PDB file of N, CA and C in Angstrom:
ATOM      1  N   MET A   1     -72.722  35.603-112.787  1.00  0.00           N
ATOM      2  CA  MET A   1     -72.581  36.986-112.415  1.00  0.00           C
ATOM      3  C   MET A   1     -71.169  37.433-112.772  1.00  0.00           C
ATOM      4  N   GLN A   2     -71.070  38.346-113.662  1.00  0.00           N
ATOM      5  CA  GLN A   2     -69.769  38.836-114.091  1.00  0.00           C
ATOM      6  C   GLN A   2     -69.571  40.262-113.588  1.00  0.00           C
ATOM      7  N   THR A   3     -68.366  40.524-113.190  1.00  0.00           N
ATOM      8  CA  THR A   3     -68.024  41.872-112.738  1.00  0.00           C
ATOM      9  C   THR A   3     -66.949  42.431-113.666  1.00  0.00           C
ATOM     10  N   GLN A   4     -66.523  43.600-113.380  1.00  0.00           N
ATOM     11  CA  GLN A   4     -65.454  44.215-114.161  1.00  0.00           C
ATOM     12  C   GLN A   4     -64.083  43.725-113.696  1.00  0.00           C
ATOM     13  N   ASN A   5     -64.034  43.082-112.555  1.00  0.00           N
ATOM     14  CA  ASN A   5     -62.768  42.649-111.987  1.00  0.00           C
ATOM     15  C   ASN A   5     -62.545  41.161-112.298  1.00  0.00           C
ATOM     16  N   PRO A   6     -61.562  40.798-113.114  1.00  0.00           N
ATOM     17  CA  PRO A   6     -61.327  39.396-113.444  1.00  0.00           C
ATOM     18  C   PRO A   6     -60.940  38.562-112.218  1.00  0.00           C
ATOM     19  N   PHE A   7     -60.287  39.163-111.259  1.00  0.00           N
ATOM     20  CA  PHE A   7     -59.924  38.441-110.036  1.00  0.00           C
ATOM     21  C   PHE A   7     -61.179  37.979-109.288  1.00  0.00           C
ATOM     22  N   LEU A   8     -62.146  38.867-109.168  1.00  0.00           N
ATOM     23  CA  LEU A   8     -63.391  38.504-108.488  1.00  0.00           C
ATOM     24  C   LEU A   8     -64.166  37.449-109.272  1.00  0.00           C
ATOM     25  N   ASP A   9     -64.147  37.550-110.596  1.00  0.00           N
ATOM     26  CA  ASP A   9     -64.799  36.525-111.422  1.00  0.00           C
ATOM     27  C   ASP A   9     -64.164  35.156-111.187  1.00  0.00           C
ATOM     28  N   GLU A  10     -62.847  35.128-111.150  1.00  0.00           N
ATOM     29  CA  GLU A  10     -62.136  33.868-110.937  1.00  0.00           C
ATOM     30  C   GLU A  10     -62.411  33.323-109.534  1.00  0.00           C
ATOM     31  N   MET A  11     -62.472  34.191-108.546  1.00  0.00           N
ATOM     32  CA  MET A  11     -62.783  33.764-107.170  1.00  0.00           C
ATOM     33  C   MET A  11     -64.196  33.192-107.088  1.00  0.00           C
ATOM     34  N   ALA A  12     -65.127  33.808-107.799  1.00  0.00           N
ATOM     35  CA  ALA A  12     -66.507  33.308-107.804  1.00  0.00           C
ATOM     36  C   ALA A  12     -66.562  31.923-108.431  1.00  0.00           C
ATOM     37  N   LYS A  13     -65.831  31.714-109.517  1.00  0.00           N
ATOM     38  CA  LYS A  13     -65.796  30.392-110.161  1.00  0.00           C
ATOM     39  C   LYS A  13     -65.187  29.357-109.227  1.00  0.00           C
ATOM     40  N   LEU A  14     -64.090  29.714-108.581  1.00  0.00           N
ATOM     41  CA  LEU A  14     -63.433  28.782-107.650  1.00  0.00           C
ATOM     42  C   LEU A  14     -64.335  28.448-106.469  1.00  0.00           C
ATOM     43  N   THR A  15     -65.030  29.455-105.968  1.00  0.00           N
ATOM     44  CA  THR A  15     -65.937  29.231-104.843  1.00  0.00           C
ATOM     45  C   THR A  15     -67.074  28.309-105.247  1.00  0.00           C
ATOM     46  N   THR A  16     -67.626  28.518-106.437  1.00  0.00           N
ATOM     47  CA  THR A  16     -68.709  27.660-106.930  1.00  0.00           C
ATOM     48  C   THR A  16     -68.220  26.226-107.103  1.00  0.00           C
ATOM     49  N   ALA A  17     -67.032  26.071-107.661  1.00  0.00           N
ATOM     50  CA  ALA A  17     -66.466  24.734-107.847  1.00  0.00           C
ATOM     51  C   ALA A  17     -66.204  24.068-106.499  1.00  0.00           C
ATOM     52  N   ALA A  18     -65.692  24.833-105.551  1.00  0.00           N
ATOM     53  CA  ALA A  18     -65.413  24.275-104.219  1.00  0.00           C
ATOM     54  C   ALA A  18     -66.698  23.832-103.526  1.00  0.00           C
ATOM     55  N   MET A  19     -67.754  24.591-103.684  1.00  0.00           N
ATOM     56  CA  MET A  19     -69.035  24.216-103.067  1.00  0.00           C
ATOM     57  C   MET A  19     -69.571  22.926-103.691  1.00  0.00           C
ATOM     58  N   GLY A  20     -69.406  22.795-104.995  1.00  0.00           N
ATOM     59  CA  GLY A  20     -69.815  21.557-105.672  1.00  0.00           C
ATOM     60  C   GLY A  20     -69.034  20.362-105.172  1.00  0.00           C
ATOM     61  N   LEU A  21     -67.735  20.534-105.009  1.00  0.00           N
ATOM     62  CA  LEU A  21     -66.898  19.450-104.491  1.00  0.00           C
ATOM     63  C   LEU A  21     -67.263  19.109-103.047  1.00  0.00           C
ATOM     64  N   ALA A  22     -67.515  20.125-102.259  1.00  0.00           N
ATOM     65  CA  ALA A  22     -67.890  19.890-100.859  1.00  0.00           C
ATOM     66  C   ALA A  22     -69.215  19.135-100.779  1.00  0.00           C
ATOM     67  N   GLN A  23     -70.156  19.491-101.628  1.00  0.00           N
ATOM     68  CA  GLN A  23     -71.445  18.806-101.626  1.00  0.00           C
ATOM     69  C   GLN A  23     -71.276  17.350-102.052  1.00  0.00           C
ATOM     70  N   ALA A  24     -70.465  17.120-103.087  1.00  0.00           N
ATOM     71  CA  ALA A  24     -70.212  15.755-103.544  1.00  0.00           C
ATOM     72  C   ALA A  24     -69.508  14.943-102.459  1.00  0.00           C
ATOM     73  N   ALA A  25     -68.554  15.548-101.782  1.00  0.00           N
ATOM     74  CA  ALA A  25     -67.843  14.855-100.701  1.00  0.00           C
ATOM     75  C   ALA A  25     -68.795  14.528 -99.556  1.00  0.00           C
ATOM     76  N   GLY A  26     -69.705  15.439 -99.266  1.00  0.00           N
ATOM     77  CA  GLY A  26     -70.692  15.190 -98.215  1.00  0.00           C
ATOM     78  C   GLY A  26     -71.600  14.027 -98.565  1.00  0.00           C
ATOM     79  N   GLU A  27     -72.039  13.968 -99.806  1.00  0.00           N
ATOM     80  CA  GLU A  27     -72.891  12.857-100.247  1.00  0.00           C
ATOM     81  C   GLU A  27     -72.130  11.534-100.198  1.00  0.00           C
ATOM     82  N   GLU A  28     -70.869  11.572-100.583  1.00  0.00           N
ATOM     83  CA  GLU A  28     -70.052  10.359-100.550  1.00  0.00           C
ATOM     84  C   GLU A  28     -69.834   9.890 -99.108  1.00  0.00           C
ATOM     85  N   ALA A  29     -69.589  10.819 -98.205  1.00  0.00           N
ATOM     86  CA  ALA A  29     -69.410  10.472 -96.795  1.00  0.00           C
ATOM     87  C   ALA A  29     -70.701   9.894 -96.226  1.00  0.00           C
ATOM     88  N   LYS A  30     -71.813  10.468 -96.606  1.00  0.00           N
ATOM     89  CA  LYS A  30     -73.114   9.981 -96.143  1.00  0.00           C
ATOM     90  C   LYS A  30     -73.355   8.547 -96.625  1.00  0.00           C
ATOM     91  N   ALA A  31     -73.045   8.276 -97.886  1.00  0.00           N
ATOM     92  CA  ALA A  31     -73.214   6.931 -98.436  1.00  0.00           C
ATOM     93  C   ALA A  31     -72.285   5.935 -97.743  1.00  0.00           C
ATOM     94  N   ALA A  32     -71.048   6.343 -97.480  1.00  0.00           N
ATOM     95  CA  ALA A  32     -70.101   5.457 -96.798  1.00  0.00           C
ATOM     96  C   ALA A  32     -70.552   5.175 -95.375  1.00  0.00           C
ATOM     97  N   PHE A  33     -71.059   6.188 -94.683  1.00  0.00           N
ATOM     98  CA  PHE A  33     -71.550   5.998 -93.318  1.00  0.00           C
ATOM     99  C   PHE A  33     -72.749   5.053 -93.309  1.00  0.00           C
ATOM    100  N   ARG A  34     -73.654   5.230 -94.274  1.00  0.00           N
ATOM    101  CA  ARG A  34     -74.829   4.364 -94.346  1.00  0.00           C
ATOM    102  C   ARG A  34     -74.422   2.919 -94.623  1.00  0.00           C
ATOM    103  N   ALA A  35     -73.465   2.708 -95.510  1.00  0.00           N
ATOM    104  CA  ALA A  35     -72.991   1.357 -95.810  1.00  0.00           C
ATOM    105  C   ALA A  35     -72.342   0.728 -94.589  1.00  0.00           C
ATOM    106  N   GLN A  36     -71.545   1.485 -93.879  1.00  0.00           N
ATOM    107  CA  GLN A  36     -70.889   0.979 -92.669  1.00  0.00           C
ATOM    108  C   GLN A  36     -71.927   0.644 -91.602  1.00  0.00           C
ATOM    109  N   THR A  37     -72.920   1.490 -91.461  1.00  0.00           N
ATOM    110  CA  THR A  37     -73.983   1.247 -90.478  1.00  0.00           C
ATOM    111  C   THR A  37     -74.772  -0.003 -90.836  1.00  0.00           C
ATOM    112  N   ASP A  38     -75.112  -0.167 -92.112  1.00  0.00           N
ATOM    113  CA  ASP A  38     -75.835  -1.370 -92.548  1.00  0.00           C
ATOM    114  C   ASP A  38     -75.024  -2.625 -92.276  1.00  0.00           C
ATOM    115  N   ARG A  39     -73.712  -2.550 -92.520  1.00  0.00           N
ATOM    116  CA  ARG A  39     -72.843  -3.705 -92.252  1.00  0.00           C
ATOM    117  C   ARG A  39     -72.825  -4.031 -90.763  1.00  0.00           C
ATOM    118  N   LEU A  40     -72.731  -3.008 -89.933  1.00  0.00           N
ATOM    119  CA  LEU A  40     -72.701  -3.212 -88.491  1.00  0.00           C
ATOM    120  C   LEU A  40     -74.018  -3.806 -87.988  1.00  0.00           C
ATOM    121  N   VAL A  41     -75.124  -3.312 -88.497  1.00  0.00           N
ATOM    122  CA  VAL A  41     -76.436  -3.834 -88.104  1.00  0.00           C
ATOM    123  C   VAL A  41     -76.551  -5.307 -88.491  1.00  0.00           C
ATOM    124  N   ALA A  42     -76.062  -5.657 -89.672  1.00  0.00           N
ATOM    125  CA  ALA A  42     -76.115  -7.052 -90.107  1.00  0.00           C
ATOM    126  C   ALA A  42     -75.224  -7.936 -89.227  1.00  0.00           C
ATOM    127  N   GLU A  43     -74.049  -7.437 -88.858  1.00  0.00           N
ATOM    128  CA  GLU A  43     -73.145  -8.213 -88.002  1.00  0.00           C
ATOM    129  C   GLU A  43     -73.734  -8.444 -86.621  1.00  0.00           C
ATOM    130  N   LEU A  44     -74.396  -7.436 -86.075  1.00  0.00           N
ATOM    131  CA  LEU A  44     -74.935  -7.546 -84.720  1.00  0.00           C
ATOM    132  C   LEU A  44     -76.271  -8.272 -84.683  1.00  0.00           C
ATOM    133  N   ASP A  45     -76.824  -8.590 -85.851  1.00  0.00           N
ATOM    134  CA  ASP A  45     -78.091  -9.306 -85.957  1.00  0.00           C
ATOM    135  C   ASP A  45     -79.204  -8.556 -85.216  1.00  0.00           C
ATOM    136  N   LEU A  46     -79.284  -7.264 -85.464  1.00  0.00           N
ATOM    137  CA  LEU A  46     -80.293  -6.433 -84.825  1.00  0.00           C
ATOM    138  C   LEU A  46     -81.651  -6.607 -85.491  1.00  0.00           C
ATOM    139  N   VAL A  47     -82.698  -6.270 -84.764  1.00  0.00           N
ATOM    140  CA  VAL A  47     -84.068  -6.398 -85.253  1.00  0.00           C
ATOM    141  C   VAL A  47     -84.601  -5.003 -85.541  1.00  0.00           C
ATOM    142  N   ARG A  48     -85.322  -4.872 -86.636  1.00  0.00           N
ATOM    143  CA  ARG A  48     -85.943  -3.590 -86.966  1.00  0.00           C
ATOM    144  C   ARG A  48     -87.068  -3.292 -85.984  1.00  0.00           C
ATOM    145  N   ARG A  49     -87.319  -2.023 -85.761  1.00  0.00           N
ATOM    146  CA  ARG A  49     -88.318  -1.589 -84.785  1.00  0.00           C
ATOM    147  C   ARG A  49     -89.706  -2.132 -85.116  1.00  0.00           C
ATOM    148  N   GLU A  50     -90.072  -2.151 -86.399  1.00  0.00           N
ATOM    149  CA  GLU A  50     -91.390  -2.640 -86.799  1.00  0.00           C
ATOM    150  C   GLU A  50     -91.559  -4.116 -86.437  1.00  0.00           C
ATOM    151  N   ASP A  51     -90.501  -4.916 -86.655  1.00  0.00           N
ATOM    152  CA  ASP A  51     -90.560  -6.336 -86.310  1.00  0.00           C
ATOM    153  C   ASP A  51     -90.665  -6.521 -84.799  1.00  0.00           C
ATOM    154  N   PHE A  52     -89.908  -5.725 -84.059  1.00  0.00           N
ATOM    155  CA  PHE A  52     -89.955  -5.800 -82.603  1.00  0.00           C
ATOM    156  C   PHE A  52     -91.352  -5.465 -82.088  1.00  0.00           C
ATOM    157  N   ASP A  53     -91.948  -4.396 -82.604  1.00  0.00           N
ATOM    158  CA  ASP A  53     -93.280  -3.997 -82.169  1.00  0.00           C
ATOM    159  C   ASP A  53     -94.323  -5.053 -82.517  1.00  0.00           C
ATOM    160  N   ALA A  54     -94.187  -5.692 -83.681  1.00  0.00           N
ATOM    161  CA  ALA A  54     -95.125  -6.743 -84.078  1.00  0.00           C
ATOM    162  C   ALA A  54     -95.011  -7.937 -83.133  1.00  0.00           C
ATOM    163  N   LEU A  55     -93.792  -8.340 -82.816  1.00  0.00           N
ATOM    164  CA  LEU A  55     -93.598  -9.461 -81.886  1.00  0.00           C
ATOM    165  C   LEU A  55     -94.084  -9.115 -80.482  1.00  0.00           C
ATOM    166  N   LYS A  56     -93.877  -7.879 -80.077  1.00  0.00           N
ATOM    167  CA  LYS A  56     -94.339  -7.439 -78.762  1.00  0.00           C
ATOM    168  C   LYS A  56     -95.865  -7.519 -78.672  1.00  0.00           C
ATOM    169  N   ALA A  57     -96.550  -7.080 -79.729  1.00  0.00           N
ATOM    170  CA  ALA A  57     -98.015  -7.148 -79.750  1.00  0.00           C
ATOM    171  C   ALA A  57     -98.489  -8.596 -79.757  1.00  0.00           C
ATOM    172  N   GLU A  58     -97.801  -9.448 -80.520  1.00  0.00           N
ATOM    173  CA  GLU A  58     -98.168 -10.867 -80.556  1.00  0.00           C
ATOM    174  C   GLU A  58     -97.978 -11.520 -79.190  1.00  0.00           C
ATOM    175  N   LEU A  59     -96.895 -11.181 -78.518  1.00  0.00           N
ATOM    176  CA  LEU A  59     -96.631 -11.712 -77.189  1.00  0.00           C
ATOM    177  C   LEU A  59     -97.697 -11.268 -76.191  1.00  0.00           C
ATOM    178  N   ALA A  60     -98.113 -10.019 -76.274  1.00  0.00           N
ATOM    179  CA  ALA A  60     -99.157  -9.525 -75.379  1.00  0.00           C
ATOM    180  C   ALA A  60    -100.454 -10.295 -75.609  1.00  0.00           C
ATOM    181  N   GLY A  61    -100.770 -10.575 -76.867  1.00  0.00           N
ATOM    182  CA  GLY A  61    -101.965 -11.360 -77.177  1.00  0.00           C
ATOM    183  C   GLY A  61    -101.865 -12.777 -76.630  1.00  0.00           C
ATOM    184  N   LEU A  62    -100.700 -13.387 -76.762  1.00  0.00           N
ATOM    185  CA  LEU A  62    -100.507 -14.741 -76.239  1.00  0.00           C
ATOM    186  C   LEU A  62    -100.597 -14.773 -74.714  1.00  0.00           C
ATOM    187  N   ARG A  63    -100.059 -13.757 -74.063  1.00  0.00           N
ATOM    188  CA  ARG A  63    -100.165 -13.696 -72.599  1.00  0.00           C
ATOM    189  C   ARG A  63    -101.616 -13.588 -72.163  1.00  0.00           C
ATOM    190  N   ALA A  64    -102.394 -12.785 -72.864  1.00  0.00           N
ATOM    191  CA  ALA A  64    -103.810 -12.646 -72.539  1.00  0.00           C
ATOM    192  C   ALA A  64    -104.530 -13.976 -72.746  1.00  0.00           C
ATOM    193  N   GLU A  65    -104.181 -14.677 -73.812  1.00  0.00           N
ATOM    194  CA  GLU A  65    -104.797 -15.981 -74.089  1.00  0.00           C
ATOM    195  C   GLU A  65    -104.444 -16.996 -72.999  1.00  0.00           C
ATOM    196  N   VAL A  66    -103.183 -16.996 -72.565  1.00  0.00           N
ATOM    197  CA  VAL A  66    -102.753 -17.913 -71.494  1.00  0.00           C
ATOM    198  C   VAL A  66    -103.515 -17.605 -70.198  1.00  0.00           C
ATOM    199  N   GLU A  67    -103.640 -16.311 -69.882  1.00  0.00           N
ATOM    200  CA  GLU A  67    -104.384 -15.942 -68.676  1.00  0.00           C
ATOM    201  C   GLU A  67    -105.847 -16.384 -68.766  1.00  0.00           C
ATOM    202  N   ALA A  68    -106.437 -16.255 -69.932  1.00  0.00           N
ATOM    203  CA  ALA A  68    -107.827 -16.690 -70.114  1.00  0.00           C
ATOM    204  C   ALA A  68    -107.931 -18.207 -69.931  1.00  0.00           C
ATOM    205  N   LEU A  69    -106.987 -18.943 -70.471  1.00  0.00           N
ATOM    206  CA  LEU A  69    -107.000 -20.400 -70.312  1.00  0.00           C
ATOM    207  C   LEU A  69    -106.784 -20.798 -68.855  1.00  0.00           C
ATOM    208  N   ARG A  70    -105.915 -20.074 -68.158  1.00  0.00           N
ATOM    209  CA  ARG A  70    -105.716 -20.357 -66.731  1.00  0.00           C
ATOM    210  C   ARG A  70    -107.001 -20.105 -65.944  1.00  0.00           C
ATOM    211  N   GLY A  71    -107.700 -19.045 -66.311  1.00  0.00           N
ATOM    212  CA  GLY A  71    -108.975 -18.753 -65.657  1.00  0.00           C
ATOM    213  C   GLY A  71    -109.989 -19.855 -65.902  1.00  0.00           C
ATOM    214  N   LYS A  72    -110.065 -20.336 -67.131  1.00  0.00           N
ATOM    215  CA  LYS A  72    -110.985 -21.439 -67.451  1.00  0.00           C
ATOM    216  C   LYS A  72    -110.611 -22.703 -66.690  1.00  0.00           C
ATOM    217  N   LYS A  73    -109.304 -22.976 -66.594  1.00  0.00           N
ATOM    218  CA  LYS A  73    -108.824 -24.164 -65.889  1.00  0.00           C
ATOM    219  C   LYS A  73    -109.180 -24.068 -64.404  1.00  0.00           C
ATOM    220  N   ALA A  74    -108.981 -22.901 -63.825  1.00  0.00           N
ATOM    221  CA  ALA A  74    -109.294 -22.715 -62.417  1.00  0.00           C
ATOM    222  C   ALA A  74    -110.803 -22.840 -62.187  1.00  0.00           C
ATOM    223  N   ALA A  75    -111.610 -22.311 -63.087  1.00  0.00           N
ATOM    224  CA  ALA A  75    -113.067 -22.408 -62.953  1.00  0.00           C
ATOM    225  C   ALA A  75    -113.501 -23.867 -63.096  1.00  0.00           C
ATOM    226  N   SER A  76    -112.881 -24.574 -64.029  1.00  0.00           N
ATOM    227  CA  SER A  76    -113.220 -25.983 -64.219  1.00  0.00           C
ATOM    228  C   SER A  76    -112.824 -26.810 -62.993  1.00  0.00           C
ATOM    229  N   ALA A  77    -111.670 -26.529 -62.409  1.00  0.00           N
ATOM    230  CA  ALA A  77    -111.229 -27.247 -61.208  1.00  0.00           C
ATOM    231  C   ALA A  77    -112.141 -26.940 -60.037  1.00  0.00           C
ATOM    232  N   ALA A  78    -112.557 -25.682 -59.907  1.00  0.00           N
ATOM    233  CA  ALA A  78    -113.460 -25.319 -58.824  1.00  0.00           C
ATOM    234  C   ALA A  78    -114.804 -25.985 -58.985  1.00  0.00           C
ATOM    235  N   LYS A  79    -115.265 -26.088 -60.209  1.00  0.00           N
ATOM    236  CA  LYS A  79    -116.566 -26.740 -60.489  1.00  0.00           C
ATOM    237  C   LYS A  79    -116.502 -28.223 -60.143  1.00  0.00           C
ATOM    238  N   LYS A  80    -115.380 -28.868 -60.488  1.00  0.00           N
ATOM    239  CA  LYS A  80    -115.211 -30.298 -60.196  1.00  0.00           C
ATOM    240  C   LYS A  80    -115.192 -30.531 -58.681  1.00  0.00           C
ATOM    241  N   GLN A  81    -114.551 -29.622 -57.933  1.00  0.00           N
ATOM    242  CA  GLN A  81    -114.497 -29.787 -56.480  1.00  0.00           C
ATOM    243  C   GLN A  81    -115.860 -29.557 -55.867  1.00  0.00           C
ATOM    244  N   ALA A  82    -116.642 -28.692 -56.489  1.00  0.00           N
ATOM    245  CA  ALA A  82    -117.977 -28.401 -55.953  1.00  0.00           C
ATOM    246  C   ALA A  82    -118.925 -29.576 -56.174  1.00  0.00           C
ATOM    247  N   ASP A  83    -118.675 -30.354 -57.228  1.00  0.00           N
ATOM    248  CA  ASP A  83    -119.555 -31.485 -57.526  1.00  0.00           C
ATOM    249  C   ASP A  83    -119.222 -32.658 -56.709  1.00  0.00           C
TER     250      ASP A  83
END
């Protein structure tokens, strides 16, 4: 967009350049933050949510299996006492 005023043209160019630099700086800051966060997660040995949920579901299944086995054991013991 060109106007008759060279000062305004120059200001528009500077503003466009500044916005480009600001966007690039924002992307660079975002990448640096992500790298720092990944490093921190690795240091703390954190678990991803998907892995946690999978282990939680597996644990619930194992608890149900243990309860079923306890029930069978109790029924078997009761049967032996009845005989």
